[in-house]
Each structure stands twice: as structure tokens, then as C-alpha cells.
């Protein structure tokens, strides 16, 4: 199971809908949506919800899903039903990121890239 972070920003009608429904009803709707968006044997679940104050994010939702397809399905459902914009982030632990970085460096050097670990990708004169 993978963790995904949803950063939600509500439009005005979404905030009004949330206030009129109450937080318990809102959490129940999210749990119901998650149950519908899971595929296979592993269910998509809402791990945590935080209401936030600040300039751009109203709500942070931590989702556990078997794959990115299930997470994206839930993200789309939440954004359309709850009247909010959702930015979806993939959460990875340090060991997974380090392993991926090593694989990327290995692939880069095998296709003729420099071995110095420099960025590249820019124009050279």
C-alpha cells in the first residue's frame, strides 16, 4: 500500500456545503468515496484528515491506496463531489527514494551520461 497526500482547496459553495454538512458527515462521505475507488483486494482508505488555515490549502487528506490509479480515482471523485481543487502528492519513504535515485544514476551512466553526477539537461555552449 502506498500513501498519497491530497491538498484540497474548496470553492465558496464547497465551503458552504462542508459547513452545512458538518465534519462527521464530511468524513463519512470521504470514507464512502474511498471504499468505492479501491480496486482489487486492497481497499483504499482515508488515514487522516486535517483542516488547515493559511493562504491556499483548506484541507489535507492522507490516503492509503494500492496503486496510483486508485488514488487518482479518489482524487477525481473528491474534487467533483466535494467542490474543491485537489493536488495529489505521492509520499515515499527515504529508502525508496534513495533506491530510485541510484537506479536513475545507473541508467544515466549506461547511456553515455557523465559520471560526475552533474545535473545536465541544460544548453551547453
Protein backbone atom coordinates (compact mmCIF):
# COMPACT_ATOMS: atom_id res chain seq x y z
CA UNK A 1 0.00 0.00 0.00
CA UNK A 2 1.19 3.49 -0.83
CA UNK A 3 0.47 6.80 0.84
CA UNK A 4 -0.88 9.77 -1.06
CA UNK A 5 -1.40 13.30 0.20
CA UNK A 6 -4.36 15.31 -1.07
CA UNK A 7 -4.12 19.08 -0.70
CA UNK A 8 -7.68 20.39 -1.05
CA UNK A 9 -8.81 23.94 -1.73
CA UNK A 10 -12.56 24.49 -1.68
CA UNK A 11 -14.54 26.94 -3.75
CA UNK A 12 -17.17 29.03 -1.96
CA UNK A 13 -20.01 26.56 -2.49
CA UNK A 14 -17.77 23.71 -1.34
CA UNK A 15 -17.06 25.54 1.95
CA UNK A 16 -20.79 26.20 2.41
CA UNK A 17 -21.57 22.54 1.71
CA UNK A 18 -18.92 21.44 4.21
CA UNK A 19 -20.17 23.78 6.93
CA UNK A 20 -23.79 22.74 6.47
CA UNK A 21 -22.96 19.01 6.49
CA UNK A 22 -20.56 19.08 9.44
CA UNK A 23 -17.21 17.40 9.79
CA UNK A 24 -18.50 13.95 10.76
CA UNK A 25 -20.74 13.77 7.69
CA UNK A 26 -17.86 15.04 5.53
CA UNK A 27 -15.52 12.34 6.88
CA UNK A 28 -18.18 9.68 6.24
CA UNK A 29 -18.54 10.86 2.62
CA UNK A 30 -14.77 10.65 2.12
CA UNK A 31 -14.66 7.16 3.63
CA UNK A 32 -17.53 6.07 1.36
CA UNK A 33 -15.78 7.51 -1.71
CA UNK A 34 -12.53 5.75 -0.76
CA UNK A 35 -14.34 2.41 -0.46
CA UNK A 36 -15.79 2.86 -3.95
CA UNK A 37 -12.46 3.82 -5.54
CA UNK A 38 -10.41 0.83 -4.38
CA UNK A 39 -9.75 -1.98 -6.84
CA UNK A 40 -8.66 -5.49 -6.15
CA UNK A 41 -8.32 -6.98 -2.69
CA UNK A 42 -6.74 -3.97 -1.03
CA UNK A 43 -9.12 -1.20 -0.11
CA UNK A 44 -8.39 2.49 -0.44
CA UNK A 45 -8.70 4.16 2.95
CA UNK A 46 -8.58 7.62 4.46
CA UNK A 47 -5.81 7.55 7.06
CA UNK A 48 -6.13 11.09 8.39
CA UNK A 49 -7.76 14.45 7.70
CA UNK A 50 -6.57 17.87 8.84
CA UNK A 51 -8.32 21.18 8.34
CA UNK A 52 -5.73 23.89 7.82
CA UNK A 53 -5.53 27.64 7.90
CA UNK A 54 -3.39 29.55 5.51
CA UNK A 55 -3.43 31.00 2.09
CA UNK A 56 -4.04 28.15 -0.29
CA UNK A 57 -4.90 24.80 1.32
CA UNK A 58 -8.09 24.23 3.32
CA UNK A 59 -7.74 20.52 3.98
CA UNK A 60 -5.02 17.85 3.96
CA UNK A 61 -6.12 14.23 3.49
CA UNK A 62 -3.77 11.26 3.87
CA UNK A 63 -4.89 8.34 1.70
CA UNK A 64 -3.63 4.76 1.64
CA UNK A 65 -4.17 3.10 -1.75
CA UNK A 66 -2.85 0.03 -3.53
CA UNK A 67 -1.79 1.99 -6.62
CA UNK A 68 -1.78 5.38 -8.28
CA UNK A 69 -4.92 4.53 -10.30
CA UNK A 70 -6.97 4.11 -7.11
CA UNK A 71 -5.54 7.32 -5.65
CA UNK A 72 -6.31 9.30 -8.81
CA UNK A 73 -9.85 7.88 -8.93
CA UNK A 74 -10.43 9.07 -5.37
CA UNK A 75 -8.85 12.45 -6.10
CA UNK A 76 -11.19 12.99 -9.05
CA UNK A 77 -14.21 11.86 -7.04
CA UNK A 78 -13.36 14.16 -4.13
CA UNK A 79 -12.77 17.16 -6.39
CA UNK A 80 -16.04 16.73 -8.27
CA UNK A 81 -18.32 15.79 -5.38
CA UNK A 82 -16.87 18.00 -2.66
CA UNK A 83 -16.41 21.06 -4.91
CA UNK A 84 -12.71 21.52 -4.35
CA UNK A 85 -9.44 21.53 -6.23
CA UNK A 86 -7.22 18.60 -5.24
CA UNK A 87 -3.46 18.41 -5.67
CA UNK A 88 -2.27 14.82 -5.24
CA UNK A 89 1.22 14.06 -3.95
CA UNK A 90 2.88 10.66 -3.69
CA UNK A 91 4.51 10.05 -0.30
CA UNK A 92 7.60 7.85 -0.32
CA UNK A 93 9.96 6.88 2.44
CA UNK A 94 13.64 7.81 2.22
CA UNK A 95 14.79 4.26 1.42
CA UNK A 96 12.53 4.04 -1.64
CA UNK A 97 13.67 7.44 -2.91
CA UNK A 98 17.35 6.53 -2.41
CA UNK A 99 16.85 3.26 -4.33
CA UNK A 100 15.11 5.11 -7.17
CA UNK A 101 17.88 7.73 -7.28
CA UNK A 102 20.56 5.02 -7.54
CA UNK A 103 18.67 3.36 -10.39
CA UNK A 104 18.37 6.70 -12.20
CA UNK A 105 22.10 7.40 -11.86
CA UNK A 106 22.93 3.89 -13.08
CA UNK A 107 20.64 4.27 -16.11
CA UNK A 108 22.12 7.70 -16.88
CA UNK A 109 25.73 6.43 -16.89
CA UNK A 110 24.83 3.39 -19.03
CA UNK A 111 23.52 5.56 -21.87
CA UNK A 112 26.61 7.77 -22.04
CA UNK A 113 25.93 10.40 -19.41
CA UNK A 114 28.72 11.85 -17.31
CA UNK A 115 29.75 10.04 -14.17
CA UNK A 116 30.19 13.17 -12.11
CA UNK A 117 26.58 13.33 -11.02
CA UNK A 118 26.07 16.75 -12.59
CA UNK A 119 22.56 17.77 -13.48
CA UNK A 120 22.63 18.15 -17.23
CA UNK A 121 19.60 18.84 -19.30
CA UNK A 122 20.54 22.43 -19.99
CA UNK A 123 22.09 24.00 -23.09
CA UNK A 124 25.82 23.87 -23.47
CA UNK A 125 27.78 26.39 -25.44
